[in-house]
Amino acid sequence: MAYYRRVGDVPHKRHTQHRAPSGALYAEELMGEEGFSSDSSLLYHAGLPSALVDARPWALPDQAVVPNEPLLPRHLALPRLFEGLDRGAVDAVTGRRLVLGNADVRISYVVCGAPSPLYRNAVGDECVYVESGRARVETVFGDLVVHGGDFVVLPRATTHRWVPDGELRLYCVEAAGHVAPPKRYLSRYGQFLEHAPYCERDLRGPSGPRVVEGEDVEVLVKHRGSGPSGLAGTVHVLPTHPFDVVGWDGCLYPYAFDVADFEPITGRVHQPPPVHQVFEGSGFVVCAFVPRKVDYHPLAVPVPYYHSNVDSDEVMFYCGGDYEARKGSGIAQGSVSLHPGGHSHGPQPGAVERSLGKEAFDELAVMVDTFRPLGLGEGGAACDDGAYAWTWAGGRRG
C-alpha cells in the first residue's frame, strides 16, 4: 500500500529487541515485496512465524482452463453456479469456482455462508469484490469488517480467513503478482495526487492486532506447483495460532475500499475505460463503472462506441443498477461478459438510440482487462449461456 500505518505494540527502533511483559522476546518478521526493494511491514509475533509441525497436500478446487475457441464473446451467468446448493455450508476459500484465467490473473466466484479455513495465497495478491453481504476478514494484521460494494485487497502470503454474517457473494480476482493503485494516481513518493478518483482517506486498514491462542492450527496454502495449472496446495500445521501479532508497522497490509467512494471522471463526450481504473496488476487492470452523470455535449452519445480489443480481453461483472449498453442481451445482476481480443464489440442493437439525451447512468460494474487471452475455467464453462455471441445479429446464428 502507498502509505505508512502503525498498529499495536512496536519498538521505537526497527530490528531491535522487543519484549513481552513476561520478558520473552517477540519474533520480528519482515513481510516485503520484490526482494527487499518495495513496500514492506514489520510484524511482531509472540511465537515463531516459521514453526511447522506437519504438512500434507491440499487438493485445490479445479484450476484448469480451456481456450476460448472458437473465439466468441460470452455471457456467463454466475449465480447459476450455486443454485440449489446449501450455500450456508460453502466457504469463501474452498468453495470458489474458477470462471476465467490466464498466467497473470484468475477470476473466481463464490456464494457462501460458512467461515473459511485459515488461508494464505502464496501465488499473488487477491483483490476481492464483495457483491453483497457482510463479513469479517480476520488477518494476521488484524480484522477488516467488509460489506457489499467493498474491494478487499489482500497482499500475497497474508494469512487470513473469511467469516460471513449471513450469505456472502464474492468476485475474486487473484493475481500472479501484486495489485496496487495505478501509478498515474500517485506522486513519486506514493501519495495520491489531486486528479486521482480516490485517496488515502477512502482506504480502511485493519483494526488492532488479533491475538488468538491455539495449538496444531491448520493453514491452507495455495502456491506455485508443477501440475498443468502451475499451482498446488499444501496444508501447513502450525504449533501455535498464526494470529499472534502484538503490533506491526509499515506500508504493506490488507485494506478495503468502498466503490461508493470512487469519484467518477466524466466529460462532454464519452470517456474511455481508463478513467474508470481502480487498480493495476501485472498483465491486467481493474476498473469500476459507478453511477454517474454522463456526457453533456448536446450531440453526445452516452453509451460506448464500438471498439476492438486489439491488446486485451475485457471482462465485465455486472453487480448493480441497469447497465445501459447491454439491454436486450440477457445480461443481469451477477452476469459476466467476456469480450475477447480480436472481436469488435459495443452496445446492443437499439442501445445507442435509447441512450441519447440521458443525463446519468445508474449502473455498477467491475471490469478486468487482461493483456493475455483468457481461458474458461470449469465455472465459466458451466454457466455460459451459449447465445450471447449472436445477440448483435438479433439472435440469428448461421
Protein backbone atom coordinates (compact mmCIF):
# COMPACT_ATOMS: atom_id res chain seq x y z
CA MET A 1 0.00 0.00 0.00
CA ALA A 2 1.11 3.57 -0.56
CA TYR A 3 1.20 4.97 2.97
CA TYR A 4 2.53 4.10 6.42
CA ARG A 5 0.46 2.68 9.29
CA ARG A 6 1.37 1.68 12.83
CA VAL A 7 -0.87 -0.68 14.81
CA GLY A 8 -0.43 -2.13 18.28
CA ASP A 9 2.82 -2.50 20.20
CA VAL A 10 6.06 -1.95 18.24
CA PRO A 11 9.53 -0.90 19.47
CA HIS A 12 10.95 2.58 19.00
CA LYS A 13 13.63 1.31 16.59
CA ARG A 14 13.26 -1.41 13.98
CA HIS A 15 15.35 -4.58 14.23
CA THR A 16 15.92 -4.05 17.95
CA GLN A 17 14.82 -6.14 20.93
CA HIS A 18 11.11 -6.07 21.68
CA ARG A 19 9.94 -7.99 24.73
CA ALA A 20 6.62 -9.06 26.25
CA PRO A 21 5.75 -8.04 29.83
CA SER A 22 6.96 -11.50 30.82
CA GLY A 23 10.40 -10.72 29.39
CA ALA A 24 10.02 -13.09 26.42
CA LEU A 25 11.42 -11.78 23.15
CA TYR A 26 8.91 -11.18 20.38
CA ALA A 27 9.84 -12.55 16.93
CA GLU A 28 10.18 -9.79 14.33
CA GLU A 29 9.01 -10.76 10.82
CA LEU A 30 9.60 -8.66 7.73
CA MET A 31 6.84 -9.16 5.16
CA GLY A 32 8.00 -7.43 1.99
CA GLU A 33 7.71 -7.39 -1.78
CA GLU A 34 10.25 -7.64 -4.57
CA GLY A 35 13.19 -8.89 -2.54
CA PHE A 36 13.57 -6.06 0.00
CA SER A 37 13.14 -3.49 -2.81
CA SER A 38 9.49 -2.46 -2.42
CA ASP A 39 6.78 -1.98 0.23
CA SER A 40 7.05 -3.95 3.45
CA SER A 41 5.81 -4.20 7.01
CA LEU A 42 7.35 -5.47 10.24
CA LEU A 43 5.19 -7.76 12.38
CA TYR A 44 5.97 -8.75 15.98
CA HIS A 45 4.88 -12.31 16.86
CA ALA A 46 4.53 -13.95 20.24
CA GLY A 47 5.58 -17.25 18.60
CA LEU A 48 7.88 -18.16 15.72
CA PRO A 49 6.24 -17.48 12.33
CA SER A 50 8.40 -20.16 10.66
CA ALA A 51 7.43 -23.02 13.00
CA LEU A 52 5.75 -26.08 11.43
CA VAL A 53 4.82 -29.43 12.94
CA ASP A 54 3.31 -31.11 9.88
CA ALA A 55 2.47 -30.62 6.18
CA ARG A 56 0.38 -32.52 3.67
CA PRO A 57 -1.05 -31.89 0.18
CA TRP A 58 -4.25 -29.88 -0.28
CA ALA A 59 -6.28 -30.69 -3.40
CA LEU A 60 -7.16 -27.28 -4.84
CA PRO A 61 -10.55 -26.62 -6.44
CA ASP A 62 -10.34 -27.25 -10.21
CA GLN A 63 -7.80 -24.74 -11.61
CA ALA A 64 -7.77 -25.91 -15.24
CA VAL A 65 -8.68 -23.54 -18.08
CA VAL A 66 -9.56 -24.31 -21.70
CA PRO A 67 -9.03 -21.89 -24.61
CA ASN A 68 -11.88 -19.64 -25.74
CA GLU A 69 -12.14 -21.48 -29.06
CA PRO A 70 -13.84 -20.85 -31.35
CA LEU A 71 -13.21 -17.19 -30.47
CA LEU A 72 -16.50 -15.85 -29.09
CA PRO A 73 -17.86 -13.13 -26.84
CA ARG A 74 -19.63 -14.86 -23.97
CA HIS A 75 -22.21 -14.23 -21.28
CA LEU A 76 -21.50 -16.15 -18.08
CA ALA A 77 -24.45 -16.20 -15.65
CA LEU A 78 -22.51 -16.64 -12.40
CA PRO A 79 -25.49 -17.01 -10.00
CA ARG A 80 -26.35 -20.31 -11.72
CA LEU A 81 -23.19 -21.86 -10.26
CA PHE A 82 -24.68 -22.01 -6.75
CA GLU A 83 -28.36 -22.61 -7.47
CA GLY A 84 -29.80 -25.49 -5.47
CA LEU A 85 -26.78 -25.71 -3.14
CA ASP A 86 -26.73 -25.32 0.63
CA ARG A 87 -24.79 -22.06 0.47
CA GLY A 88 -24.58 -21.98 4.26
CA ALA A 89 -22.17 -24.91 4.00
CA VAL A 90 -19.95 -23.24 1.37
CA ASP A 91 -16.93 -21.17 2.42
CA ALA A 92 -15.13 -18.31 0.65
CA VAL A 93 -11.91 -20.23 0.01
CA THR A 94 -12.62 -23.86 -0.84
CA GLY A 95 -16.00 -23.01 -2.42
CA ARG A 96 -14.63 -20.76 -5.17
CA ARG A 97 -15.31 -21.79 -8.74
CA LEU A 98 -12.87 -20.68 -11.41
CA VAL A 99 -14.55 -18.61 -14.13
CA LEU A 100 -11.69 -17.28 -16.28
CA GLY A 101 -7.93 -17.30 -16.09
CA ASN A 102 -4.52 -16.95 -17.68
CA ALA A 103 -0.92 -16.81 -16.43
CA ASP A 104 -1.43 -13.33 -14.92
CA VAL A 105 -4.85 -13.45 -13.27
CA ARG A 106 -7.59 -15.89 -12.26
CA ILE A 107 -11.21 -14.84 -11.69
CA SER A 108 -13.43 -16.91 -9.41
CA TYR A 109 -16.90 -16.58 -7.90
CA VAL A 110 -18.43 -17.91 -4.71
CA VAL A 111 -21.71 -17.65 -2.81
CA CYS A 112 -21.07 -18.74 0.76
CA GLY A 113 -22.21 -18.61 4.35
CA ALA A 114 -19.70 -20.69 6.32
CA PRO A 115 -16.46 -19.44 7.90
CA SER A 116 -13.48 -20.31 5.73
CA PRO A 117 -10.38 -22.17 6.85
CA LEU A 118 -7.27 -20.13 7.53
CA TYR A 119 -5.79 -19.43 4.11
CA ARG A 120 -2.66 -17.99 2.56
CA ASN A 121 -2.31 -17.26 -1.17
CA ALA A 122 1.43 -17.53 -1.84
CA VAL A 123 0.99 -17.03 -5.60
CA GLY A 124 -0.08 -13.38 -5.64
CA ASP A 125 -2.26 -10.63 -4.22
CA GLU A 126 -6.03 -11.05 -4.12
CA CYS A 127 -8.49 -8.27 -4.99
CA VAL A 128 -11.92 -9.49 -3.86
CA TYR A 129 -15.06 -7.53 -4.70
CA VAL A 130 -17.94 -8.05 -2.26
CA GLU A 131 -21.02 -8.20 -4.47
CA SER A 132 -23.37 -8.47 -1.49
CA GLY A 133 -23.43 -9.40 2.18
CA ARG A 134 -21.23 -8.62 5.15
CA ALA A 135 -18.21 -10.37 6.63
CA ARG A 136 -15.29 -10.07 8.97
CA VAL A 137 -11.96 -10.76 7.30
CA GLU A 138 -9.63 -11.90 10.07
CA THR A 139 -5.95 -11.44 9.17
CA VAL A 140 -2.54 -11.65 10.77
CA PHE A 141 -2.59 -7.81 10.66
CA GLY A 142 -5.99 -7.51 12.38
CA ASP A 143 -9.61 -7.51 11.20
CA LEU A 144 -11.42 -5.82 8.33
CA VAL A 145 -15.21 -5.52 8.51
CA VAL A 146 -16.45 -5.51 4.91
CA HIS A 147 -19.79 -5.15 3.15
CA GLY A 148 -21.37 -5.13 -0.30
CA GLY A 149 -19.51 -2.72 -2.60
CA ASP A 150 -16.11 -3.17 -0.96
CA PHE A 151 -12.92 -4.10 -2.76
CA VAL A 152 -10.74 -6.08 -0.35
CA VAL A 153 -7.03 -6.20 -1.26
CA LEU A 154 -5.03 -8.94 0.45
CA PRO A 155 -1.25 -8.94 -0.15
CA ARG A 156 0.43 -12.16 -1.19
CA ALA A 157 1.01 -14.60 1.71
CA THR A 158 -1.31 -12.78 4.14
CA THR A 159 -2.79 -15.44 6.42
CA HIS A 160 -6.50 -14.74 6.75
CA ARG A 161 -9.99 -16.20 6.85
CA TRP A 162 -13.47 -15.02 5.85
CA VAL A 163 -16.26 -15.07 8.48
CA PRO A 164 -19.58 -14.21 6.77
CA ASP A 165 -22.52 -12.61 8.53
CA GLY A 166 -25.21 -14.40 6.51
CA GLU A 167 -24.98 -15.04 2.77
CA LEU A 168 -21.91 -13.54 1.09
CA ARG A 169 -21.24 -13.17 -2.66
CA LEU A 170 -17.63 -12.63 -3.70
CA TYR A 171 -16.00 -11.92 -7.07
CA CYS A 172 -12.37 -12.93 -6.58
CA VAL A 173 -9.53 -11.57 -8.74
CA GLU A 174 -6.33 -13.47 -7.94
CA ALA A 175 -3.11 -12.01 -9.35
CA ALA A 176 0.11 -13.83 -10.13
CA GLY A 177 1.89 -10.75 -8.76
CA HIS A 178 0.80 -7.62 -6.94
CA VAL A 179 -2.26 -5.34 -7.05
CA ALA A 180 -1.91 -1.60 -6.43
CA PRO A 181 -3.42 1.78 -7.31
CA PRO A 182 -2.43 2.94 -10.81
CA LYS A 183 0.95 4.66 -10.85
CA ARG A 184 -0.52 7.69 -12.60
CA TYR A 185 -2.63 8.38 -9.48
CA LEU A 186 0.44 8.57 -7.23
CA SER A 187 3.27 11.02 -6.63
CA ARG A 188 6.83 9.76 -6.95
CA TYR A 189 6.72 9.25 -3.16
CA GLY A 190 3.45 7.30 -3.21
CA GLN A 191 0.85 9.91 -2.18
CA PHE A 192 -2.43 10.01 -4.09
CA LEU A 193 -2.48 13.02 -6.41
CA GLU A 194 -5.27 15.57 -6.75
CA HIS A 195 -6.58 14.10 -10.02
CA ALA A 196 -6.94 10.60 -8.53
CA PRO A 197 -10.59 9.42 -8.17
CA TYR A 198 -9.93 8.23 -4.60
CA CYS A 199 -7.34 8.84 -1.88
CA GLU A 200 -5.90 7.59 1.40
CA ARG A 201 -8.96 8.74 3.39
CA ASP A 202 -11.09 6.24 1.45
CA LEU A 203 -8.99 3.19 2.42
CA ARG A 204 -9.78 1.17 5.56
CA GLY A 205 -6.89 -0.68 7.14
CA PRO A 206 -7.08 -3.42 9.77
CA SER A 207 -8.20 -2.75 13.31
CA GLY A 208 -5.98 -3.50 16.30
CA PRO A 209 -3.95 -6.72 16.39
CA ARG A 210 -5.77 -10.03 16.59
CA VAL A 211 -4.11 -12.33 19.14
CA VAL A 212 -5.54 -15.86 19.28
CA GLU A 213 -4.34 -18.87 21.21
CA GLY A 214 -4.32 -22.34 19.70
CA GLU A 215 -2.24 -25.45 19.04
CA ASP A 216 -1.73 -27.52 15.88
CA VAL A 217 -3.53 -24.95 13.73
CA GLU A 218 -4.05 -25.73 10.03
CA VAL A 219 -3.47 -23.16 7.28
CA LEU A 220 -4.32 -23.86 3.63
CA VAL A 221 -1.60 -22.53 1.32
CA LYS A 222 -2.02 -22.03 -2.43
CA HIS A 223 1.40 -21.88 -4.10
CA ARG A 224 3.25 -22.49 -7.34
CA GLY A 225 3.43 -26.12 -8.43
CA SER A 226 4.44 -28.44 -11.22
CA GLY A 227 0.98 -29.54 -12.39
CA PRO A 228 -0.80 -28.44 -15.58
CA SER A 229 -2.18 -25.28 -13.93
CA GLY A 230 1.18 -24.35 -12.41
CA LEU A 231 -0.49 -24.29 -8.99
CA ALA A 232 -0.55 -26.58 -5.99
CA GLY A 233 -1.90 -26.66 -2.45
CA THR A 234 -0.41 -27.59 0.90
CA VAL A 235 -1.84 -27.77 4.42
CA HIS A 236 0.64 -26.38 6.94
CA VAL A 237 0.13 -27.37 10.57
CA LEU A 238 1.48 -24.75 12.98
CA PRO A 239 2.29 -25.41 16.64
CA THR A 240 0.60 -22.12 17.67
CA HIS A 241 -2.01 -19.89 16.09
CA PRO A 242 -0.67 -17.57 13.35
CA PHE A 243 -2.76 -14.72 14.75
CA ASP A 244 -0.23 -13.89 17.46
CA VAL A 245 0.91 -10.44 16.27
CA VAL A 246 1.02 -7.85 19.05
CA GLY A 247 1.90 -4.99 16.72
CA TRP A 248 3.10 -4.06 13.25
CA ASP A 249 4.05 -1.09 11.15
CA GLY A 250 4.84 -0.37 7.53
CA CYS A 251 3.31 0.19 4.12
CA LEU A 252 2.19 -3.35 3.22
CA TYR A 253 -1.11 -4.58 4.67
CA PRO A 254 -4.63 -5.63 3.65
CA TYR A 255 -7.22 -2.91 3.17
CA ALA A 256 -10.79 -2.30 1.98
CA PHE A 257 -12.10 0.34 -0.39
CA ASP A 258 -15.81 1.04 -0.86
CA VAL A 259 -16.64 1.52 -4.54
CA ALA A 260 -19.15 4.20 -3.45
CA ASP A 261 -16.12 6.36 -2.61
CA PHE A 262 -14.81 6.20 -6.19
CA GLU A 263 -15.35 9.63 -7.78
CA PRO A 264 -16.16 9.15 -11.49
CA ILE A 265 -14.35 11.21 -14.12
CA THR A 266 -16.75 12.49 -16.76
CA GLY A 267 -16.57 14.76 -19.81
CA ARG A 268 -18.54 16.44 -22.60
CA VAL A 269 -18.17 13.32 -24.76
CA HIS A 270 -17.78 9.65 -23.90
CA GLN A 271 -14.69 8.93 -21.80
CA PRO A 272 -12.54 5.81 -22.44
CA PRO A 273 -12.33 2.96 -19.88
CA PRO A 274 -9.00 4.04 -18.29
CA VAL A 275 -10.82 6.89 -16.49
CA HIS A 276 -12.65 4.18 -14.52
CA GLN A 277 -9.48 2.39 -13.37
CA VAL A 278 -9.19 1.48 -9.69
CA PHE A 279 -6.21 -0.92 -9.54
CA GLU A 280 -3.48 -2.35 -11.72
CA GLY A 281 -1.60 -5.64 -11.70
CA SER A 282 0.99 -7.28 -13.89
CA GLY A 283 -0.85 -8.08 -17.12
CA PHE A 284 -4.26 -6.69 -16.13
CA VAL A 285 -6.19 -3.71 -14.76
CA VAL A 286 -9.34 -3.40 -12.61
CA CYS A 287 -11.93 -0.69 -13.32
CA ALA A 288 -15.24 0.33 -11.72
CA PHE A 289 -18.18 1.78 -13.67
CA VAL A 290 -20.20 3.57 -11.00
CA PRO A 291 -23.43 5.61 -11.03
CA ARG A 292 -22.54 8.94 -12.63
CA LYS A 293 -23.61 11.86 -14.75
CA VAL A 294 -22.80 11.19 -18.39
CA ASP A 295 -21.60 13.12 -21.42
CA TYR A 296 -23.02 16.63 -21.67
CA HIS A 297 -22.15 17.72 -25.22
CA PRO A 298 -25.52 18.50 -26.90
CA LEU A 299 -24.88 15.78 -29.52
CA ALA A 300 -23.16 13.30 -27.19
CA VAL A 301 -23.70 9.55 -27.47
CA PRO A 302 -23.54 8.39 -23.82
CA VAL A 303 -23.01 4.66 -24.39
CA PRO A 304 -19.63 3.35 -25.60
CA TYR A 305 -18.71 3.42 -29.26
CA TYR A 306 -17.94 0.07 -30.89
CA HIS A 307 -14.34 -0.86 -30.21
CA SER A 308 -11.89 -3.63 -30.98
CA ASN A 309 -9.87 -5.07 -28.11
CA VAL A 310 -6.59 -5.12 -30.01
CA ASP A 311 -4.41 -5.83 -26.97
CA SER A 312 -6.77 -7.18 -24.32
CA ASP A 313 -9.66 -9.38 -23.27
CA GLU A 314 -12.40 -7.40 -21.47
CA VAL A 315 -14.32 -8.98 -18.59
CA MET A 316 -17.27 -7.03 -17.18
CA PHE A 317 -19.01 -8.12 -13.96
CA TYR A 318 -22.47 -6.52 -13.69
CA CYS A 319 -23.13 -6.01 -9.99
CA GLY A 320 -25.72 -3.26 -9.66
CA GLY A 321 -28.15 -0.91 -11.39
CA ASP A 322 -29.13 -1.11 -15.03
CA TYR A 323 -26.25 -1.35 -17.49
CA GLU A 324 -27.47 0.76 -20.42
CA ALA A 325 -25.26 -0.64 -23.21
CA ARG A 326 -26.20 -4.29 -22.56
CA LYS A 327 -30.01 -4.01 -22.52
CA GLY A 328 -31.60 -6.79 -24.55
CA SER A 329 -28.64 -9.17 -24.21
CA GLY A 330 -29.90 -11.27 -21.29
CA ILE A 331 -27.23 -9.86 -19.01
CA ALA A 332 -28.42 -9.17 -15.45
CA GLN A 333 -27.18 -8.81 -11.87
CA GLY A 334 -24.31 -11.25 -11.32
CA SER A 335 -23.57 -11.72 -15.03
CA VAL A 336 -20.13 -11.57 -16.61
CA SER A 337 -19.48 -10.64 -20.23
CA LEU A 338 -16.26 -11.71 -21.92
CA HIS A 339 -15.27 -9.66 -24.97
CA PRO A 340 -12.06 -11.22 -26.29
CA GLY A 341 -9.28 -9.54 -28.19
CA GLY A 342 -9.86 -9.96 -31.91
CA HIS A 343 -13.62 -9.28 -31.77
CA SER A 344 -15.14 -5.81 -32.10
CA HIS A 345 -17.87 -5.16 -29.56
CA GLY A 346 -20.09 -2.38 -28.34
CA PRO A 347 -23.70 -1.53 -27.46
CA GLN A 348 -26.53 -3.96 -28.09
CA PRO A 349 -28.86 -3.13 -31.02
CA GLY A 350 -31.03 -0.13 -30.14
CA ALA A 351 -28.93 0.90 -27.13
CA VAL A 352 -27.37 3.90 -28.86
CA GLU A 353 -30.73 5.46 -29.77
CA ARG A 354 -32.15 4.72 -26.31
CA SER A 355 -29.21 6.43 -24.63
CA LEU A 356 -29.50 9.76 -26.48
CA GLY A 357 -30.45 12.57 -24.11
CA LYS A 358 -29.61 10.58 -20.96
CA GLU A 359 -28.06 12.72 -18.25
CA ALA A 360 -26.99 9.97 -15.84
CA PHE A 361 -26.48 6.20 -15.68
CA ASP A 362 -27.45 4.16 -12.63
CA GLU A 363 -25.10 1.24 -13.17
CA LEU A 364 -22.40 -0.57 -11.29
CA ALA A 365 -19.90 -2.92 -12.90
CA VAL A 366 -16.38 -4.15 -12.18
CA MET A 367 -14.17 -4.62 -15.24
CA VAL A 368 -10.96 -6.62 -15.57
CA ASP A 369 -8.96 -6.04 -18.75
CA THR A 370 -6.18 -8.56 -19.39
CA PHE A 371 -3.29 -8.29 -21.82
CA ARG A 372 -3.09 -12.02 -22.49
CA PRO A 373 -6.00 -14.18 -23.68
CA LEU A 374 -8.25 -15.67 -21.04
CA GLY A 375 -9.30 -19.29 -20.91
CA LEU A 376 -12.53 -20.65 -19.49
CA GLY A 377 -12.44 -22.28 -16.07
CA GLU A 378 -14.85 -25.04 -15.11
CA GLY A 379 -17.20 -22.47 -13.56
CA GLY A 380 -17.16 -20.26 -16.66
CA ALA A 381 -17.90 -23.20 -18.94
CA ALA A 382 -20.73 -24.36 -16.66
CA CYS A 383 -22.62 -21.05 -16.75
CA ASP A 384 -22.05 -19.92 -20.35
CA ASP A 385 -25.47 -19.08 -21.83
CA GLY A 386 -24.35 -20.12 -25.33
CA ALA A 387 -26.36 -17.35 -27.01
CA TYR A 388 -24.69 -14.02 -26.26
CA ALA A 389 -22.41 -14.04 -29.33
CA TRP A 390 -25.40 -13.84 -31.67
CA THR A 391 -27.30 -11.01 -29.92
CA TRP A 392 -25.91 -8.23 -32.15
CA ALA A 393 -27.41 -10.10 -35.11
CA GLY A 394 -30.83 -10.38 -33.47
CA GLY A 395 -30.16 -13.87 -32.13
CA ARG A 396 -29.63 -15.34 -35.60
CA ARG A 397 -26.91 -17.96 -35.93
CA GLY A 398 -25.88 -19.49 -39.24
